[in-house]
Amino acid sequence: MKSVTIKLSYAEEVKNFVNTVNRYPFEMDLRSGRHVVDAKSILGIFSLDLSKPIALDIYTDHCEALLKEIGSYIVSEQ
């Protein structure tokens, strides 16, 4: 499993992020506080507090291509 912290500020960023992560077969969750949503769900993402960075949990160890594609949203890697 790989975890990174991302920041999505605008609706267009959320749309582009969801389109990108949906091209990958592995499961991903977004965590904000105690709320967890499917990272591939645009409605789930909009239910989170997007004013703060959120944690992206990727349930695979082979996600280098994904991390490169979403690099502009990544604030920090854990």
PDB file of N, CA and C in Angstrom:
ATOM      1  N   MET A   1       0.842  -1.183   0.000  1.00  0.00           N
ATOM      2  CA  MET A   1       0.000   0.000   0.000  1.00  0.00           C
ATOM      3  C   MET A   1       0.882   1.239   0.000  1.00  0.00           C
ATOM      4  N   LYS A   2       0.449   2.242  -0.713  1.00  0.00           N
ATOM      5  CA  LYS A   2       1.154   3.518  -0.802  1.00  0.00           C
ATOM      6  C   LYS A   2       0.200   4.621  -0.387  1.00  0.00           C
ATOM      7  N   SER A   3       0.679   5.584   0.387  1.00  0.00           N
ATOM      8  CA  SER A   3      -0.140   6.725   0.800  1.00  0.00           C
ATOM      9  C   SER A   3       0.556   8.018   0.427  1.00  0.00           C
ATOM     10  N   VAL A   4      -0.227   8.945  -0.113  1.00  0.00           N
ATOM     11  CA  VAL A   4       0.271  10.287  -0.426  1.00  0.00           C
ATOM     12  C   VAL A   4      -0.788  11.283   0.025  1.00  0.00           C
ATOM     13  N   THR A   5      -0.366  12.510   0.238  1.00  0.00           N
ATOM     14  CA  THR A   5      -1.296  13.579   0.576  1.00  0.00           C
ATOM     15  C   THR A   5      -1.483  14.433  -0.659  1.00  0.00           C
ATOM     16  N   ILE A   6      -2.752  14.684  -1.002  1.00  0.00           N
ATOM     17  CA  ILE A   6      -3.049  15.469  -2.191  1.00  0.00           C
ATOM     18  C   ILE A   6      -3.894  16.681  -1.831  1.00  0.00           C
ATOM     19  N   LYS A   7      -3.945  17.627  -2.748  1.00  0.00           N
ATOM     20  CA  LYS A   7      -4.767  18.829  -2.581  1.00  0.00           C
ATOM     21  C   LYS A   7      -5.554  19.033  -3.866  1.00  0.00           C
ATOM     22  N   LEU A   8      -6.875  19.058  -3.728  1.00  0.00           N
ATOM     23  CA  LEU A   8      -7.781  19.316  -4.846  1.00  0.00           C
ATOM     24  C   LEU A   8      -8.546  20.587  -4.504  1.00  0.00           C
ATOM     25  N   SER A   9      -8.304  21.664  -5.245  1.00  0.00           N
ATOM     26  CA  SER A   9      -8.880  22.957  -4.889  1.00  0.00           C
ATOM     27  C   SER A   9     -10.111  23.331  -5.700  1.00  0.00           C
ATOM     28  N   TYR A  10     -10.176  22.887  -6.937  1.00  0.00           N
ATOM     29  CA  TYR A  10     -11.253  23.328  -7.832  1.00  0.00           C
ATOM     30  C   TYR A  10     -12.019  22.135  -8.381  1.00  0.00           C
ATOM     31  N   ALA A  11     -13.258  22.372  -8.788  1.00  0.00           N
ATOM     32  CA  ALA A  11     -14.095  21.313  -9.349  1.00  0.00           C
ATOM     33  C   ALA A  11     -13.431  20.682 -10.576  1.00  0.00           C
ATOM     34  N   GLU A  12     -12.774  21.477 -11.385  1.00  0.00           N
ATOM     35  CA  GLU A  12     -12.097  20.956 -12.582  1.00  0.00           C
ATOM     36  C   GLU A  12     -10.958  20.010 -12.194  1.00  0.00           C
ATOM     37  N   GLU A  13     -10.248  20.319 -11.101  1.00  0.00           N
ATOM     38  CA  GLU A  13      -9.190  19.430 -10.616  1.00  0.00           C
ATOM     39  C   GLU A  13      -9.770  18.099 -10.151  1.00  0.00           C
ATOM     40  N   VAL A  14     -10.905  18.152  -9.454  1.00  0.00           N
ATOM     41  CA  VAL A  14     -11.556  16.921  -8.986  1.00  0.00           C
ATOM     42  C   VAL A  14     -11.946  16.068 -10.193  1.00  0.00           C
ATOM     43  N   LYS A  15     -12.535  16.674 -11.195  1.00  0.00           N
ATOM     44  CA  LYS A  15     -12.955  15.953 -12.404  1.00  0.00           C
ATOM     45  C   LYS A  15     -11.755  15.301 -13.082  1.00  0.00           C
ATOM     46  N   ASN A  16     -10.669  16.044 -13.259  1.00  0.00           N
ATOM     47  CA  ASN A  16      -9.472  15.500 -13.902  1.00  0.00           C
ATOM     48  C   ASN A  16      -8.845  14.387 -13.064  1.00  0.00           C
ATOM     49  N   PHE A  17      -8.830  14.563 -11.741  1.00  0.00           N
ATOM     50  CA  PHE A  17      -8.284  13.546 -10.840  1.00  0.00           C
ATOM     51  C   PHE A  17      -9.081  12.249 -10.962  1.00  0.00           C
ATOM     52  N   VAL A  18     -10.413  12.338 -10.907  1.00  0.00           N
ATOM     53  CA  VAL A  18     -11.273  11.149 -11.000  1.00  0.00           C
ATOM     54  C   VAL A  18     -11.097  10.461 -12.351  1.00  0.00           C
ATOM     55  N   ASN A  19     -11.015  11.230 -13.428  1.00  0.00           N
ATOM     56  CA  ASN A  19     -10.792  10.639 -14.752  1.00  0.00           C
ATOM     57  C   ASN A  19      -9.465   9.888 -14.801  1.00  0.00           C
ATOM     58  N   THR A  20      -8.453  10.428 -14.165  1.00  0.00           N
ATOM     59  CA  THR A  20      -7.130   9.787 -14.148  1.00  0.00           C
ATOM     60  C   THR A  20      -7.151   8.503 -13.331  1.00  0.00           C
ATOM     61  N   VAL A  21      -7.639   8.547 -12.095  1.00  0.00           N
ATOM     62  CA  VAL A  21      -7.580   7.365 -11.229  1.00  0.00           C
ATOM     63  C   VAL A  21      -8.491   6.238 -11.732  1.00  0.00           C
ATOM     64  N   ASN A  22      -9.540   6.576 -12.461  1.00  0.00           N
ATOM     65  CA  ASN A  22     -10.432   5.544 -12.993  1.00  0.00           C
ATOM     66  C   ASN A  22      -9.783   4.707 -14.085  1.00  0.00           C
ATOM     67  N   ARG A  23      -8.666   5.138 -14.624  1.00  0.00           N
ATOM     68  CA  ARG A  23      -7.959   4.354 -15.637  1.00  0.00           C
ATOM     69  C   ARG A  23      -7.093   3.247 -15.021  1.00  0.00           C
ATOM     70  N   TYR A  24      -6.991   3.206 -13.704  1.00  0.00           N
ATOM     71  CA  TYR A  24      -6.157   2.220 -13.031  1.00  0.00           C
ATOM     72  C   TYR A  24      -7.034   1.181 -12.327  1.00  0.00           C
ATOM     73  N   PRO A  25      -6.615  -0.098 -12.362  1.00  0.00           N
ATOM     74  CA  PRO A  25      -7.472  -1.172 -11.849  1.00  0.00           C
ATOM     75  C   PRO A  25      -7.475  -1.339 -10.329  1.00  0.00           C
ATOM     76  N   PHE A  26      -6.517  -0.772  -9.637  1.00  0.00           N
ATOM     77  CA  PHE A  26      -6.450  -1.014  -8.204  1.00  0.00           C
ATOM     78  C   PHE A  26      -7.356  -0.081  -7.411  1.00  0.00           C
ATOM     79  N   GLU A  27      -7.657  -0.503  -6.180  1.00  0.00           N
ATOM     80  CA  GLU A  27      -8.538   0.251  -5.285  1.00  0.00           C
ATOM     81  C   GLU A  27      -7.782   1.436  -4.686  1.00  0.00           C
ATOM     82  N   MET A  28      -8.519   2.535  -4.472  1.00  0.00           N
ATOM     83  CA  MET A  28      -7.959   3.742  -3.866  1.00  0.00           C
ATOM     84  C   MET A  28      -9.022   4.399  -2.996  1.00  0.00           C
ATOM     85  N   ASP A  29      -8.600   4.895  -1.847  1.00  0.00           N
ATOM     86  CA  ASP A  29      -9.501   5.617  -0.940  1.00  0.00           C
ATOM     87  C   ASP A  29      -8.928   6.992  -0.644  1.00  0.00           C
ATOM     88  N   LEU A  30      -9.808   7.933  -0.364  1.00  0.00           N
ATOM     89  CA  LEU A  30      -9.409   9.245   0.122  1.00  0.00           C
ATOM     90  C   LEU A  30      -9.878   9.382   1.560  1.00  0.00           C
ATOM     91  N   ARG A  31      -8.984   9.865   2.436  1.00  0.00           N
ATOM     92  CA  ARG A  31      -9.311  10.042   3.850  1.00  0.00           C
ATOM     93  C   ARG A  31      -9.174  11.504   4.237  1.00  0.00           C
ATOM     94  N   SER A  32     -10.213  12.016   4.880  1.00  0.00           N
ATOM     95  CA  SER A  32     -10.177  13.368   5.435  1.00  0.00           C
ATOM     96  C   SER A  32     -10.751  13.266   6.842  1.00  0.00           C
ATOM     97  N   GLY A  33      -9.875  13.358   7.833  1.00  0.00           N
ATOM     98  CA  GLY A  33     -10.318  13.124   9.209  1.00  0.00           C
ATOM     99  C   GLY A  33     -10.746  11.677   9.343  1.00  0.00           C
ATOM    100  N   ARG A  34     -11.973  11.455   9.814  1.00  0.00           N
ATOM    101  CA  ARG A  34     -12.438  10.074   9.954  1.00  0.00           C
ATOM    102  C   ARG A  34     -13.332   9.644   8.792  1.00  0.00           C
ATOM    103  N   HIS A  35     -13.484  10.517   7.795  1.00  0.00           N
ATOM    104  CA  HIS A  35     -14.291  10.199   6.614  1.00  0.00           C
ATOM    105  C   HIS A  35     -13.426   9.546   5.546  1.00  0.00           C
ATOM    106  N   VAL A  36     -13.909   8.439   5.003  1.00  0.00           N
ATOM    107  CA  VAL A  36     -13.198   7.715   3.950  1.00  0.00           C
ATOM    108  C   VAL A  36     -14.158   7.519   2.784  1.00  0.00           C
ATOM    109  N   VAL A  37     -13.693   7.869   1.570  1.00  0.00           N
ATOM    110  CA  VAL A  37     -14.518   7.686   0.372  1.00  0.00           C
ATOM    111  C   VAL A  37     -13.684   7.026  -0.720  1.00  0.00           C
ATOM    112  N   ASP A  38     -14.360   6.433  -1.674  1.00  0.00           N
ATOM    113  CA  ASP A  38     -13.713   5.842  -2.839  1.00  0.00           C
ATOM    114  C   ASP A  38     -13.108   6.971  -3.671  1.00  0.00           C
ATOM    115  N   ALA A  39     -11.813   6.882  -3.976  1.00  0.00           N
ATOM    116  CA  ALA A  39     -11.133   7.927  -4.742  1.00  0.00           C
ATOM    117  C   ALA A  39     -11.637   8.016  -6.173  1.00  0.00           C
ATOM    118  N   LYS A  40     -12.373   7.012  -6.629  1.00  0.00           N
ATOM    119  CA  LYS A  40     -12.891   7.007  -7.994  1.00  0.00           C
ATOM    120  C   LYS A  40     -14.307   7.575  -8.074  1.00  0.00           C
ATOM    121  N   SER A  41     -14.822   8.069  -6.952  1.00  0.00           N
ATOM    122  CA  SER A  41     -16.182   8.593  -6.881  1.00  0.00           C
ATOM    123  C   SER A  41     -16.165  10.118  -6.799  1.00  0.00           C
ATOM    124  N   ILE A  42     -16.637  10.758  -7.845  1.00  0.00           N
ATOM    125  CA  ILE A  42     -16.643  12.225  -7.856  1.00  0.00           C
ATOM    126  C   ILE A  42     -17.562  12.781  -6.767  1.00  0.00           C
ATOM    127  N   LEU A  43     -18.712  12.138  -6.541  1.00  0.00           N
ATOM    128  CA  LEU A  43     -19.617  12.600  -5.486  1.00  0.00           C
ATOM    129  C   LEU A  43     -19.008  12.384  -4.106  1.00  0.00           C
ATOM    130  N   GLY A  44     -18.312  11.263  -3.930  1.00  0.00           N
ATOM    131  CA  GLY A  44     -17.650  11.011  -2.655  1.00  0.00           C
ATOM    132  C   GLY A  44     -16.609  12.064  -2.343  1.00  0.00           C
ATOM    133  N   ILE A  45     -15.835  12.450  -3.348  1.00  0.00           N
ATOM    134  CA  ILE A  45     -14.796  13.464  -3.141  1.00  0.00           C
ATOM    135  C   ILE A  45     -15.416  14.796  -2.755  1.00  0.00           C
ATOM    136  N   PHE A  46     -16.525  15.165  -3.408  1.00  0.00           N
ATOM    137  CA  PHE A  46     -17.152  16.439  -3.079  1.00  0.00           C
ATOM    138  C   PHE A  46     -17.792  16.434  -1.696  1.00  0.00           C
ATOM    139  N   SER A  47     -17.941  15.268  -1.074  1.00  0.00           N
ATOM    140  CA  SER A  47     -18.472  15.217   0.290  1.00  0.00           C
ATOM    141  C   SER A  47     -17.392  15.494   1.335  1.00  0.00           C
ATOM    142  N   LEU A  48     -16.130  15.535   0.902  1.00  0.00           N
ATOM    143  CA  LEU A  48     -15.015  15.798   1.814  1.00  0.00           C
ATOM    144  C   LEU A  48     -14.753  17.303   1.918  1.00  0.00           C
ATOM    145  N   ASP A  49     -14.017  17.683   2.956  1.00  0.00           N
ATOM    146  CA  ASP A  49     -13.591  19.069   3.131  1.00  0.00           C
ATOM    147  C   ASP A  49     -12.365  19.296   2.248  1.00  0.00           C
ATOM    148  N   LEU A  50     -12.569  19.929   1.098  1.00  0.00           N
ATOM    149  CA  LEU A  50     -11.475  20.122   0.142  1.00  0.00           C
ATOM    150  C   LEU A  50     -10.628  21.354   0.441  1.00  0.00           C
ATOM    151  N   SER A  51     -10.920  22.049   1.539  1.00  0.00           N
ATOM    152  CA  SER A  51     -10.108  23.204   1.901  1.00  0.00           C
ATOM    153  C   SER A  51      -8.774  22.779   2.517  1.00  0.00           C
ATOM    154  N   LYS A  52      -8.675  21.491   2.882  1.00  0.00           N
ATOM    155  CA  LYS A  52      -7.454  20.953   3.487  1.00  0.00           C
ATOM    156  C   LYS A  52      -6.917  19.830   2.602  1.00  0.00           C
ATOM    157  N   PRO A  53      -5.615  19.536   2.704  1.00  0.00           N
ATOM    158  CA  PRO A  53      -5.087  18.376   1.986  1.00  0.00           C
ATOM    159  C   PRO A  53      -5.745  17.087   2.495  1.00  0.00           C
ATOM    160  N   ILE A  54      -5.869  16.101   1.615  1.00  0.00           N
ATOM    161  CA  ILE A  54      -6.492  14.822   1.982  1.00  0.00           C
ATOM    162  C   ILE A  54      -5.542  13.679   1.643  1.00  0.00           C
ATOM    163  N   ALA A  55      -5.666  12.593   2.387  1.00  0.00           N
ATOM    164  CA  ALA A  55      -4.788  11.435   2.203  1.00  0.00           C
ATOM    165  C   ALA A  55      -5.369  10.512   1.142  1.00  0.00           C
ATOM    166  N   LEU A  56      -4.515  10.093   0.206  1.00  0.00           N
ATOM    167  CA  LEU A  56      -4.883   9.124  -0.817  1.00  0.00           C
ATOM    168  C   LEU A  56      -4.176   7.816  -0.488  1.00  0.00           C
ATOM    169  N   ASP A  57      -4.952   6.767  -0.233  1.00  0.00           N
ATOM    170  CA  ASP A  57      -4.403   5.431   0.022  1.00  0.00           C
ATOM    171  C   ASP A  57      -4.587   4.598  -1.233  1.00  0.00           C
ATOM    172  N   ILE A  58      -3.475   4.098  -1.764  1.00  0.00           N
ATOM    173  CA  ILE A  58      -3.479   3.300  -2.988  1.00  0.00           C
ATOM    174  C   ILE A  58      -3.122   1.876  -2.587  1.00  0.00           C
ATOM    175  N   TYR A  59      -4.014   0.932  -2.877  1.00  0.00           N
ATOM    176  CA  TYR A  59      -3.850  -0.437  -2.401  1.00  0.00           C
ATOM    177  C   TYR A  59      -3.080  -1.309  -3.385  1.00  0.00           C
ATOM    178  N   THR A  60      -1.869  -0.871  -3.693  1.00  0.00           N
ATOM    179  CA  THR A  60      -0.912  -1.630  -4.485  1.00  0.00           C
ATOM    180  C   THR A  60       0.462  -1.025  -4.231  1.00  0.00           C
ATOM    181  N   ASP A  61       1.499  -1.790  -4.512  1.00  0.00           N
ATOM    182  CA  ASP A  61       2.856  -1.261  -4.367  1.00  0.00           C
ATOM    183  C   ASP A  61       3.429  -0.823  -5.708  1.00  0.00           C
ATOM    184  N   HIS A  62       2.695  -1.081  -6.782  1.00  0.00           N
ATOM    185  CA  HIS A  62       3.193  -0.792  -8.132  1.00  0.00           C
ATOM    186  C   HIS A  62       2.341   0.302  -8.771  1.00  0.00           C
ATOM    187  N   CYS A  63       2.520   1.519  -8.293  1.00  0.00           N
ATOM    188  CA  CYS A  63       1.671   2.623  -8.742  1.00  0.00           C
ATOM    189  C   CYS A  63       2.492   3.818  -9.229  1.00  0.00           C
ATOM    190  N   GLU A  64       3.698   3.562  -9.711  1.00  0.00           N
ATOM    191  CA  GLU A  64       4.577   4.650 -10.142  1.00  0.00           C
ATOM    192  C   GLU A  64       3.956   5.476 -11.267  1.00  0.00           C
ATOM    193  N   ALA A  65       3.304   4.806 -12.235  1.00  0.00           N
ATOM    194  CA  ALA A  65       2.686   5.526 -13.357  1.00  0.00           C
ATOM    195  C   ALA A  65       1.572   6.443 -12.869  1.00  0.00           C
ATOM    196  N   LEU A  66       0.767   5.950 -11.938  1.00  0.00           N
ATOM    197  CA  LEU A  66      -0.309   6.769 -11.372  1.00  0.00           C
ATOM    198  C   LEU A  66       0.272   7.973 -10.641  1.00  0.00           C
ATOM    199  N   LEU A  67       1.275   7.753  -9.806  1.00  0.00           N
ATOM    200  CA  LEU A  67       1.869   8.847  -9.037  1.00  0.00           C
ATOM    201  C   LEU A  67       2.451   9.914  -9.959  1.00  0.00           C
ATOM    202  N   LYS A  68       3.008   9.485 -11.083  1.00  0.00           N
ATOM    203  CA  LYS A  68       3.545  10.444 -12.045  1.00  0.00           C
ATOM    204  C   LYS A  68       2.411  11.268 -12.660  1.00  0.00           C
ATOM    205  N   GLU A  69       1.297  10.611 -12.985  1.00  0.00           N
ATOM    206  CA  GLU A  69       0.156  11.303 -13.602  1.00  0.00           C
ATOM    207  C   GLU A  69      -0.513  12.298 -12.661  1.00  0.00           C
ATOM    208  N   ILE A  70      -0.584  11.953 -11.378  1.00  0.00           N
ATOM    209  CA  ILE A  70      -1.252  12.847 -10.417  1.00  0.00           C
ATOM    210  C   ILE A  70      -0.249  13.708  -9.648  1.00  0.00           C
ATOM    211  N   GLY A  71       0.967  13.777 -10.116  1.00  0.00           N
ATOM    212  CA  GLY A  71       2.031  14.517  -9.428  1.00  0.00           C
ATOM    213  C   GLY A  71       1.692  15.958  -9.106  1.00  0.00           C
ATOM    214  N   SER A  72       0.909  16.599  -9.965  1.00  0.00           N
ATOM    215  CA  SER A  72       0.581  18.009  -9.726  1.00  0.00           C
ATOM    216  C   SER A  72      -0.356  18.196  -8.524  1.00  0.00           C
ATOM    217  N   TYR A  73      -1.024  17.123  -8.088  1.00  0.00           N
ATOM    218  CA  TYR A  73      -1.940  17.205  -6.934  1.00  0.00           C
ATOM    219  C   TYR A  73      -1.263  16.778  -5.627  1.00  0.00           C
ATOM    220  N   ILE A  74      -0.107  16.132  -5.723  1.00  0.00           N
ATOM    221  CA  ILE A  74       0.556  15.580  -4.533  1.00  0.00           C
ATOM    222  C   ILE A  74       1.254  16.683  -3.734  1.00  0.00           C
ATOM    223  N   VAL A  75       0.926  16.715  -2.446  1.00  0.00           N
ATOM    224  CA  VAL A  75       1.549  17.672  -1.524  1.00  0.00           C
ATOM    225  C   VAL A  75       2.733  17.010  -0.831  1.00  0.00           C
ATOM    226  N   SER A  76       2.560  15.754  -0.384  1.00  0.00           N
ATOM    227  CA  SER A  76       3.654  15.013   0.263  1.00  0.00           C
ATOM    228  C   SER A  76       3.412  13.516   0.144  1.00  0.00           C
ATOM    229  N   GLU A  77       4.500  12.760   0.213  1.00  0.00           N
ATOM    230  CA  GLU A  77       4.413  11.300   0.186  1.00  0.00           C
ATOM    231  C   GLU A  77       4.792  10.767   1.550  1.00  0.00           C
ATOM    232  N   GLN A  78       4.120   9.672   1.962  1.00  0.00           N
ATOM    233  CA  GLN A  78       4.433   9.051   3.254  1.00  0.00           C
ATOM    234  C   GLN A  78       5.170   7.760   3.025  1.00  0.00           C
TER     235      GLN A  78
END
